Amino acid sequence: MTTRPADDLDRRLVLATQAGLPLVSRPYDVLAEQLGISAGEVRARLADMLDNGRIRRIGAVPNHYALGYTANGMSVWDVPDERIVELGEAVGRLPGVTHCYERPRALPDWPYNLFAMVHGKDRASVLAQVEEIATLLGSACRARDVLFSTAILKKTGLRIG
């Protein structure tokens, strides 16, 4: 694959989309009109930026609070390092897990290396999902905990100006 250098149009496209796609039935048409190009060119440039790593993804980011999922628990797990990829992929496929990733341990106080975010309508439903993860991990789980959110923070990705 040939990587085309980024240009001013790429930058303007990122600026136009960094807060989200227009909430209309044909968002690429709206972007095309704003940028003075075709919708096909919008799609092609976004695909190129995905392929070469300039952007990581295009996807919906639902507001789980607005959907009624107000209990949020980051489950943390101590699993063998040599199995982290296998176990993380299995946990990440569970329907209630929205984020799953590896993080370094901070021994001796923090033995956890696998993190899995789950959301529920109440703490009991989050804890039930955590039990599903525990069942999946089985004897590979040496320790675990659940950290519940206490505040809603505004989350945004990197923004360019």
N, C-alpha and C. Protein backbone atom coordinates (compact mmCIF):
# COMPACT_ATOMS: atom_id res chain seq x y z
N MET A 1 0.84 -1.18 0.00
CA MET A 1 0.00 0.00 0.00
C MET A 1 0.88 1.24 0.00
N THR A 2 0.55 2.20 -0.83
CA THR A 2 1.26 3.47 -0.86
C THR A 2 0.58 4.43 0.11
N THR A 3 1.39 5.07 0.92
CA THR A 3 0.85 6.04 1.87
C THR A 3 0.96 7.43 1.27
N ARG A 4 -0.17 8.05 1.09
CA ARG A 4 -0.23 9.40 0.57
C ARG A 4 0.06 10.36 1.73
N PRO A 5 0.90 11.37 1.52
CA PRO A 5 1.15 12.31 2.61
C PRO A 5 -0.13 13.08 2.96
N ALA A 6 -0.27 13.38 4.24
CA ALA A 6 -1.43 14.16 4.68
C ALA A 6 -1.35 15.54 4.04
N ASP A 7 -2.51 16.10 3.74
CA ASP A 7 -2.55 17.44 3.16
C ASP A 7 -3.58 18.29 3.90
N ASP A 8 -3.77 19.51 3.42
CA ASP A 8 -4.69 20.44 4.08
C ASP A 8 -6.12 19.90 4.09
N LEU A 9 -6.53 19.21 3.03
CA LEU A 9 -7.88 18.66 2.98
C LEU A 9 -8.07 17.59 4.06
N ASP A 10 -7.05 16.76 4.28
CA ASP A 10 -7.12 15.77 5.37
C ASP A 10 -7.31 16.48 6.70
N ARG A 11 -6.56 17.53 6.92
CA ARG A 11 -6.66 18.27 8.18
C ARG A 11 -8.05 18.87 8.34
N ARG A 12 -8.59 19.45 7.27
CA ARG A 12 -9.94 20.03 7.35
C ARG A 12 -10.99 18.95 7.59
N LEU A 13 -10.79 17.76 7.01
CA LEU A 13 -11.71 16.65 7.23
C LEU A 13 -11.67 16.19 8.69
N VAL A 14 -10.47 16.11 9.25
CA VAL A 14 -10.36 15.74 10.67
C VAL A 14 -11.03 16.81 11.54
N LEU A 15 -10.79 18.06 11.25
CA LEU A 15 -11.43 19.14 12.02
C LEU A 15 -12.95 19.05 11.93
N ALA A 16 -13.46 18.70 10.76
CA ALA A 16 -14.91 18.63 10.56
C ALA A 16 -15.54 17.42 11.24
N THR A 17 -14.75 16.40 11.54
CA THR A 17 -15.31 15.17 12.10
C THR A 17 -14.88 14.88 13.53
N GLN A 18 -13.93 15.62 14.07
CA GLN A 18 -13.38 15.24 15.38
C GLN A 18 -14.39 15.31 16.52
N ALA A 19 -15.45 16.07 16.38
CA ALA A 19 -16.50 16.09 17.40
C ALA A 19 -17.62 15.12 17.06
N GLY A 20 -17.48 14.39 15.97
CA GLY A 20 -18.48 13.42 15.56
C GLY A 20 -19.01 13.71 14.17
N LEU A 21 -19.56 12.69 13.55
CA LEU A 21 -20.19 12.87 12.24
C LEU A 21 -21.50 13.61 12.41
N PRO A 22 -21.93 14.34 11.39
CA PRO A 22 -23.25 14.98 11.46
C PRO A 22 -24.34 13.93 11.68
N LEU A 23 -25.29 14.23 12.54
CA LEU A 23 -26.36 13.27 12.87
C LEU A 23 -27.50 13.42 11.87
N VAL A 24 -27.21 12.98 10.66
CA VAL A 24 -28.18 13.00 9.56
C VAL A 24 -28.09 11.66 8.84
N SER A 25 -29.03 11.40 7.95
CA SER A 25 -29.04 10.11 7.26
C SER A 25 -27.86 9.95 6.30
N ARG A 26 -27.30 11.04 5.80
CA ARG A 26 -26.18 10.96 4.86
C ARG A 26 -25.06 11.88 5.31
N PRO A 27 -24.33 11.52 6.38
CA PRO A 27 -23.32 12.42 6.94
C PRO A 27 -22.18 12.74 5.98
N TYR A 28 -21.80 11.78 5.14
CA TYR A 28 -20.69 12.05 4.22
C TYR A 28 -21.08 13.09 3.18
N ASP A 29 -22.36 13.15 2.83
CA ASP A 29 -22.81 14.18 1.90
C ASP A 29 -22.70 15.57 2.53
N VAL A 30 -23.06 15.67 3.80
CA VAL A 30 -22.95 16.95 4.51
C VAL A 30 -21.49 17.39 4.59
N LEU A 31 -20.61 16.47 4.94
CA LEU A 31 -19.18 16.78 5.02
C LEU A 31 -18.65 17.19 3.65
N ALA A 32 -19.07 16.48 2.62
CA ALA A 32 -18.62 16.79 1.27
C ALA A 32 -19.01 18.21 0.89
N GLU A 33 -20.23 18.59 1.20
CA GLU A 33 -20.69 19.95 0.89
C GLU A 33 -19.87 20.99 1.67
N GLN A 34 -19.60 20.71 2.94
CA GLN A 34 -18.82 21.64 3.76
C GLN A 34 -17.40 21.82 3.20
N LEU A 35 -16.83 20.73 2.68
CA LEU A 35 -15.44 20.74 2.25
C LEU A 35 -15.26 21.01 0.76
N GLY A 36 -16.37 21.02 0.01
CA GLY A 36 -16.28 21.28 -1.42
C GLY A 36 -15.73 20.11 -2.22
N ILE A 37 -16.01 18.89 -1.76
CA ILE A 37 -15.58 17.69 -2.47
C ILE A 37 -16.77 16.73 -2.56
N SER A 38 -16.56 15.59 -3.19
CA SER A 38 -17.64 14.61 -3.30
C SER A 38 -17.70 13.73 -2.04
N ALA A 39 -18.87 13.12 -1.83
CA ALA A 39 -19.01 12.19 -0.71
C ALA A 39 -18.08 10.99 -0.90
N GLY A 40 -17.86 10.58 -2.12
CA GLY A 40 -16.92 9.49 -2.40
C GLY A 40 -15.51 9.84 -1.96
N GLU A 41 -15.11 11.09 -2.19
CA GLU A 41 -13.78 11.53 -1.75
C GLU A 41 -13.69 11.57 -0.23
N VAL A 42 -14.77 11.96 0.45
CA VAL A 42 -14.80 11.93 1.91
C VAL A 42 -14.55 10.51 2.39
N ARG A 43 -15.32 9.56 1.84
CA ARG A 43 -15.17 8.16 2.24
C ARG A 43 -13.76 7.64 1.92
N ALA A 44 -13.25 7.96 0.76
CA ALA A 44 -11.92 7.48 0.35
C ALA A 44 -10.83 8.04 1.27
N ARG A 45 -10.93 9.30 1.59
CA ARG A 45 -9.92 9.91 2.47
C ARG A 45 -10.00 9.34 3.89
N LEU A 46 -11.21 9.15 4.40
CA LEU A 46 -11.34 8.55 5.73
C LEU A 46 -10.79 7.13 5.72
N ALA A 47 -11.08 6.38 4.67
CA ALA A 47 -10.57 5.00 4.56
C ALA A 47 -9.05 5.01 4.51
N ASP A 48 -8.47 5.94 3.75
CA ASP A 48 -7.02 6.05 3.66
C ASP A 48 -6.41 6.39 5.02
N MET A 49 -7.05 7.32 5.75
CA MET A 49 -6.53 7.68 7.07
C MET A 49 -6.64 6.53 8.05
N LEU A 50 -7.68 5.71 7.94
CA LEU A 50 -7.79 4.50 8.76
C LEU A 50 -6.68 3.51 8.40
N ASP A 51 -6.49 3.28 7.11
CA ASP A 51 -5.51 2.31 6.64
C ASP A 51 -4.09 2.67 7.06
N ASN A 52 -3.76 3.97 7.06
CA ASN A 52 -2.38 4.35 7.38
C ASN A 52 -2.20 4.78 8.83
N GLY A 53 -3.26 4.64 9.64
CA GLY A 53 -3.13 4.89 11.07
C GLY A 53 -3.25 6.32 11.52
N ARG A 54 -3.61 7.23 10.62
CA ARG A 54 -3.77 8.63 11.03
C ARG A 54 -4.99 8.80 11.94
N ILE A 55 -6.02 7.98 11.69
CA ILE A 55 -7.15 7.88 12.62
C ILE A 55 -7.31 6.42 12.98
N ARG A 56 -7.85 6.16 14.18
CA ARG A 56 -7.95 4.78 14.66
C ARG A 56 -9.25 4.12 14.30
N ARG A 57 -10.35 4.88 14.31
CA ARG A 57 -11.63 4.24 14.05
C ARG A 57 -12.67 5.28 13.71
N ILE A 58 -13.75 4.78 13.11
CA ILE A 58 -14.96 5.55 12.89
C ILE A 58 -16.06 4.70 13.49
N GLY A 59 -16.74 5.21 14.48
CA GLY A 59 -17.77 4.39 15.12
C GLY A 59 -18.66 5.22 16.01
N ALA A 60 -19.75 4.61 16.39
CA ALA A 60 -20.70 5.25 17.30
C ALA A 60 -20.14 5.20 18.72
N VAL A 61 -20.37 6.26 19.46
CA VAL A 61 -20.00 6.32 20.87
C VAL A 61 -21.28 6.64 21.64
N PRO A 62 -21.99 5.60 22.05
CA PRO A 62 -23.26 5.85 22.74
C PRO A 62 -23.04 6.45 24.12
N ASN A 63 -23.98 7.25 24.54
CA ASN A 63 -23.97 7.81 25.89
C ASN A 63 -24.72 6.82 26.77
N HIS A 64 -23.97 5.97 27.48
CA HIS A 64 -24.62 4.91 28.24
C HIS A 64 -25.46 5.47 29.39
N TYR A 65 -25.12 6.64 29.90
CA TYR A 65 -25.95 7.26 30.95
C TYR A 65 -27.33 7.59 30.40
N ALA A 66 -27.36 8.18 29.20
CA ALA A 66 -28.64 8.54 28.59
C ALA A 66 -29.47 7.30 28.27
N LEU A 67 -28.82 6.16 28.09
CA LEU A 67 -29.51 4.91 27.80
C LEU A 67 -29.95 4.18 29.07
N GLY A 68 -29.66 4.77 30.23
CA GLY A 68 -30.09 4.18 31.50
C GLY A 68 -29.06 3.30 32.17
N TYR A 69 -27.86 3.21 31.61
CA TYR A 69 -26.80 2.41 32.22
C TYR A 69 -25.95 3.31 33.10
N THR A 70 -26.39 3.47 34.35
CA THR A 70 -25.76 4.44 35.24
C THR A 70 -24.78 3.82 36.24
N ALA A 71 -24.72 2.51 36.31
CA ALA A 71 -23.73 1.83 37.15
C ALA A 71 -22.59 1.39 36.23
N ASN A 72 -21.39 1.84 36.54
CA ASN A 72 -20.25 1.58 35.70
C ASN A 72 -19.13 1.02 36.55
N GLY A 73 -18.67 -0.17 36.21
CA GLY A 73 -17.62 -0.79 37.00
C GLY A 73 -16.44 -1.19 36.15
N MET A 74 -15.27 -0.73 36.56
CA MET A 74 -14.04 -1.19 35.94
C MET A 74 -13.58 -2.41 36.73
N SER A 75 -13.72 -3.57 36.12
CA SER A 75 -13.25 -4.79 36.78
C SER A 75 -11.77 -4.94 36.46
N VAL A 76 -11.01 -5.30 37.48
CA VAL A 76 -9.57 -5.46 37.32
C VAL A 76 -9.19 -6.87 37.76
N TRP A 77 -8.27 -7.46 37.02
CA TRP A 77 -7.98 -8.88 37.17
C TRP A 77 -6.48 -9.12 37.17
N ASP A 78 -6.05 -10.02 38.02
CA ASP A 78 -4.66 -10.47 38.02
C ASP A 78 -4.65 -11.83 37.33
N VAL A 79 -4.12 -11.86 36.12
CA VAL A 79 -4.03 -13.10 35.35
C VAL A 79 -2.59 -13.30 34.91
N PRO A 80 -2.20 -14.52 34.58
CA PRO A 80 -0.83 -14.76 34.15
C PRO A 80 -0.48 -13.94 32.90
N ASP A 81 0.67 -13.29 32.95
CA ASP A 81 1.10 -12.45 31.83
C ASP A 81 1.16 -13.24 30.52
N GLU A 82 1.58 -14.48 30.59
CA GLU A 82 1.72 -15.27 29.36
C GLU A 82 0.38 -15.63 28.73
N ARG A 83 -0.72 -15.37 29.44
CA ARG A 83 -2.06 -15.67 28.90
C ARG A 83 -2.89 -14.41 28.69
N ILE A 84 -2.29 -13.23 28.87
CA ILE A 84 -3.06 -11.98 28.85
C ILE A 84 -3.77 -11.76 27.51
N VAL A 85 -3.14 -12.05 26.40
CA VAL A 85 -3.77 -11.83 25.10
C VAL A 85 -4.96 -12.76 24.92
N GLU A 86 -4.75 -14.02 25.17
CA GLU A 86 -5.83 -15.02 25.05
C GLU A 86 -7.01 -14.68 25.96
N LEU A 87 -6.72 -14.41 27.23
CA LEU A 87 -7.79 -14.12 28.18
C LEU A 87 -8.46 -12.78 27.89
N GLY A 88 -7.66 -11.78 27.54
CA GLY A 88 -8.23 -10.48 27.22
C GLY A 88 -9.16 -10.53 26.02
N GLU A 89 -8.78 -11.28 25.00
CA GLU A 89 -9.65 -11.42 23.83
C GLU A 89 -10.95 -12.11 24.20
N ALA A 90 -10.88 -13.12 25.04
CA ALA A 90 -12.09 -13.84 25.46
C ALA A 90 -13.00 -12.93 26.29
N VAL A 91 -12.43 -12.18 27.21
CA VAL A 91 -13.23 -11.26 28.03
C VAL A 91 -13.81 -10.16 27.15
N GLY A 92 -13.02 -9.63 26.24
CA GLY A 92 -13.47 -8.55 25.36
C GLY A 92 -14.63 -8.95 24.46
N ARG A 93 -14.80 -10.24 24.20
CA ARG A 93 -15.92 -10.72 23.38
C ARG A 93 -17.22 -10.84 24.15
N LEU A 94 -17.17 -10.75 25.47
CA LEU A 94 -18.41 -10.86 26.26
C LEU A 94 -19.32 -9.67 25.95
N PRO A 95 -20.61 -9.90 25.85
CA PRO A 95 -21.53 -8.83 25.43
C PRO A 95 -21.58 -7.64 26.38
N GLY A 96 -21.32 -7.81 27.66
CA GLY A 96 -21.40 -6.69 28.59
C GLY A 96 -20.14 -5.89 28.74
N VAL A 97 -19.05 -6.32 28.10
CA VAL A 97 -17.76 -5.64 28.24
C VAL A 97 -17.61 -4.61 27.11
N THR A 98 -17.41 -3.34 27.51
CA THR A 98 -17.27 -2.30 26.49
C THR A 98 -15.82 -1.94 26.22
N HIS A 99 -14.95 -2.14 27.17
CA HIS A 99 -13.52 -1.89 27.00
C HIS A 99 -12.77 -3.02 27.70
N CYS A 100 -11.73 -3.52 27.08
CA CYS A 100 -10.91 -4.55 27.71
C CYS A 100 -9.48 -4.34 27.24
N TYR A 101 -8.57 -4.21 28.19
CA TYR A 101 -7.19 -3.94 27.82
C TYR A 101 -6.23 -4.34 28.92
N GLU A 102 -4.97 -4.43 28.53
CA GLU A 102 -3.89 -4.77 29.44
C GLU A 102 -3.25 -3.48 29.95
N ARG A 103 -2.88 -3.49 31.22
CA ARG A 103 -2.14 -2.37 31.83
C ARG A 103 -1.04 -2.98 32.70
N PRO A 104 0.05 -2.25 32.87
CA PRO A 104 1.12 -2.79 33.71
C PRO A 104 0.72 -2.84 35.18
N ARG A 105 1.24 -3.84 35.85
CA ARG A 105 1.04 -3.96 37.29
C ARG A 105 1.86 -2.87 38.00
N ALA A 106 1.47 -2.53 39.23
CA ALA A 106 2.25 -1.61 40.06
C ALA A 106 2.44 -2.31 41.41
N LEU A 107 3.30 -3.31 41.38
CA LEU A 107 3.53 -4.12 42.57
C LEU A 107 4.28 -3.32 43.63
N PRO A 108 4.03 -3.56 44.89
CA PRO A 108 3.23 -4.65 45.45
C PRO A 108 1.75 -4.28 45.65
N ASP A 109 1.40 -3.02 45.45
CA ASP A 109 0.05 -2.56 45.80
C ASP A 109 -1.02 -2.88 44.74
N TRP A 110 -0.62 -3.00 43.49
CA TRP A 110 -1.59 -3.15 42.41
C TRP A 110 -1.19 -4.32 41.53
N PRO A 111 -1.74 -5.52 41.79
CA PRO A 111 -1.33 -6.72 41.04
C PRO A 111 -2.07 -6.92 39.72
N TYR A 112 -2.99 -6.02 39.38
CA TYR A 112 -3.90 -6.26 38.26
C TYR A 112 -3.29 -5.86 36.92
N ASN A 113 -3.49 -6.71 35.92
CA ASN A 113 -2.96 -6.45 34.59
C ASN A 113 -4.02 -6.51 33.49
N LEU A 114 -5.24 -6.95 33.81
CA LEU A 114 -6.33 -7.03 32.83
C LEU A 114 -7.49 -6.19 33.34
N PHE A 115 -7.96 -5.27 32.51
CA PHE A 115 -9.03 -4.35 32.86
C PHE A 115 -10.21 -4.58 31.93
N ALA A 116 -11.41 -4.63 32.48
CA ALA A 116 -12.61 -4.83 31.65
C ALA A 116 -13.72 -3.94 32.20
N MET A 117 -14.20 -3.00 31.38
CA MET A 117 -15.26 -2.08 31.78
C MET A 117 -16.61 -2.68 31.47
N VAL A 118 -17.50 -2.65 32.47
CA VAL A 118 -18.87 -3.12 32.27
C VAL A 118 -19.85 -2.05 32.77
N HIS A 119 -20.99 -2.00 32.13
CA HIS A 119 -22.03 -1.03 32.48
C HIS A 119 -23.31 -1.77 32.79
N GLY A 120 -24.08 -1.21 33.71
CA GLY A 120 -25.36 -1.81 34.05
C GLY A 120 -26.34 -0.77 34.54
N LYS A 121 -27.57 -1.18 34.69
CA LYS A 121 -28.60 -0.26 35.19
C LYS A 121 -28.48 -0.08 36.70
N ASP A 122 -27.77 -1.01 37.37
CA ASP A 122 -27.53 -0.90 38.80
C ASP A 122 -26.28 -1.71 39.14
N ARG A 123 -25.79 -1.55 40.36
CA ARG A 123 -24.57 -2.25 40.77
C ARG A 123 -24.72 -3.77 40.71
N ALA A 124 -25.91 -4.26 41.05
CA ALA A 124 -26.12 -5.71 41.03
C ALA A 124 -25.91 -6.28 39.63
N SER A 125 -26.38 -5.57 38.61
CA SER A 125 -26.20 -6.09 37.25
C SER A 125 -24.73 -6.04 36.82
N VAL A 126 -24.01 -5.01 37.28
CA VAL A 126 -22.57 -4.95 36.99
C VAL A 126 -21.86 -6.12 37.68
N LEU A 127 -22.19 -6.34 38.95
CA LEU A 127 -21.55 -7.44 39.68
C LEU A 127 -21.87 -8.80 39.07
N ALA A 128 -23.07 -8.95 38.52
CA ALA A 128 -23.42 -10.20 37.84
C ALA A 128 -22.54 -10.40 36.60
N GLN A 129 -22.28 -9.32 35.86
CA GLN A 129 -21.42 -9.42 34.69
C GLN A 129 -19.98 -9.74 35.11
N VAL A 130 -19.55 -9.17 36.22
CA VAL A 130 -18.21 -9.45 36.72
C VAL A 130 -18.09 -10.93 37.09
N GLU A 131 -19.15 -11.50 37.64
CA GLU A 131 -19.14 -12.94 37.94
C GLU A 131 -19.01 -13.77 36.67
N GLU A 132 -19.62 -13.31 35.57
CA GLU A 132 -19.47 -14.01 34.29
C GLU A 132 -18.02 -13.99 33.84
N ILE A 133 -17.37 -12.86 34.03
CA ILE A 133 -15.94 -12.76 33.67
C ILE A 133 -15.14 -13.71 34.55
N ALA A 134 -15.43 -13.72 35.85
CA ALA A 134 -14.71 -14.61 36.76
C ALA A 134 -14.88 -16.07 36.35
N THR A 135 -16.07 -16.44 35.95
CA THR A 135 -16.33 -17.82 35.50
C THR A 135 -15.50 -18.12 34.26
N LEU A 136 -15.48 -17.18 33.33
CA LEU A 136 -14.70 -17.36 32.11
C LEU A 136 -13.21 -17.51 32.43
N LEU A 137 -12.68 -16.68 33.31
CA LEU A 137 -11.26 -16.73 33.63
C LEU A 137 -10.89 -17.96 34.46
N GLY A 138 -11.84 -18.43 35.26
CA GLY A 138 -11.60 -19.63 36.06
C GLY A 138 -10.36 -19.51 36.91
N SER A 139 -9.56 -20.58 36.91
CA SER A 139 -8.38 -20.63 37.77
C SER A 139 -7.27 -19.69 37.32
N ALA A 140 -7.40 -19.09 36.13
CA ALA A 140 -6.40 -18.12 35.68
C ALA A 140 -6.50 -16.82 36.47
N CYS A 141 -7.63 -16.60 37.13
CA CYS A 141 -7.81 -15.39 37.93
C CYS A 141 -7.22 -15.60 39.31
N ARG A 142 -6.20 -14.81 39.64
CA ARG A 142 -5.54 -14.94 40.94
C ARG A 142 -6.06 -13.91 41.93
N ALA A 143 -6.58 -12.77 41.42
CA ALA A 143 -7.14 -11.72 42.28
C ALA A 143 -8.00 -10.83 41.38
N ARG A 144 -8.95 -10.12 42.00
CA ARG A 144 -9.82 -9.24 41.22
C ARG A 144 -10.42 -8.19 42.13
N ASP A 145 -10.98 -7.16 41.49
CA ASP A 145 -11.70 -6.12 42.21
C ASP A 145 -12.59 -5.42 41.19
N VAL A 146 -13.51 -4.60 41.69
CA VAL A 146 -14.36 -3.78 40.83
C VAL A 146 -14.33 -2.36 41.37
N LEU A 147 -14.04 -1.43 40.50
CA LEU A 147 -13.99 -0.01 40.86
C LEU A 147 -15.19 0.66 40.21
N PHE A 148 -16.10 1.18 41.02
CA PHE A 148 -17.30 1.83 40.48
C PHE A 148 -17.07 3.32 40.29
N SER A 149 -17.64 3.86 39.21
CA SER A 149 -17.55 5.29 38.94
C SER A 149 -18.30 6.06 40.02
N THR A 150 -17.74 7.20 40.39
CA THR A 150 -18.41 8.06 41.36
C THR A 150 -18.75 9.42 40.77
N ALA A 151 -18.25 9.69 39.56
CA ALA A 151 -18.53 10.96 38.90
C ALA A 151 -18.50 10.74 37.40
N ILE A 152 -19.21 11.57 36.68
CA ILE A 152 -19.21 11.53 35.22
C ILE A 152 -18.20 12.56 34.73
N LEU A 153 -17.23 12.12 33.98
CA LEU A 153 -16.23 13.00 33.42
C LEU A 153 -16.48 13.15 31.93
N LYS A 154 -16.28 14.33 31.43
CA LYS A 154 -16.43 14.54 29.99
C LYS A 154 -15.23 13.91 29.31
N LYS A 155 -15.52 12.98 28.39
CA LYS A 155 -14.45 12.28 27.71
C LYS A 155 -14.40 12.73 26.25
N THR A 156 -13.24 13.10 25.83
CA THR A 156 -13.02 13.44 24.42
C THR A 156 -11.68 12.89 23.99
N GLY A 157 -11.56 12.65 22.73
CA GLY A 157 -10.27 12.25 22.20
C GLY A 157 -9.42 13.48 21.91
N LEU A 158 -8.29 13.24 21.30
CA LEU A 158 -7.41 14.31 20.90
C LEU A 158 -8.12 15.25 19.94
N ARG A 159 -7.96 16.52 20.14
CA ARG A 159 -8.54 17.52 19.26
C ARG A 159 -7.42 18.36 18.66
N ILE A 160 -7.52 18.65 17.38
CA ILE A 160 -6.56 19.57 16.77
C ILE A 160 -7.28 20.89 16.54
N GLY A 161 -6.55 21.94 16.51
CA GLY A 161 -7.15 23.28 16.36
C GLY A 161 -6.86 23.90 15.04
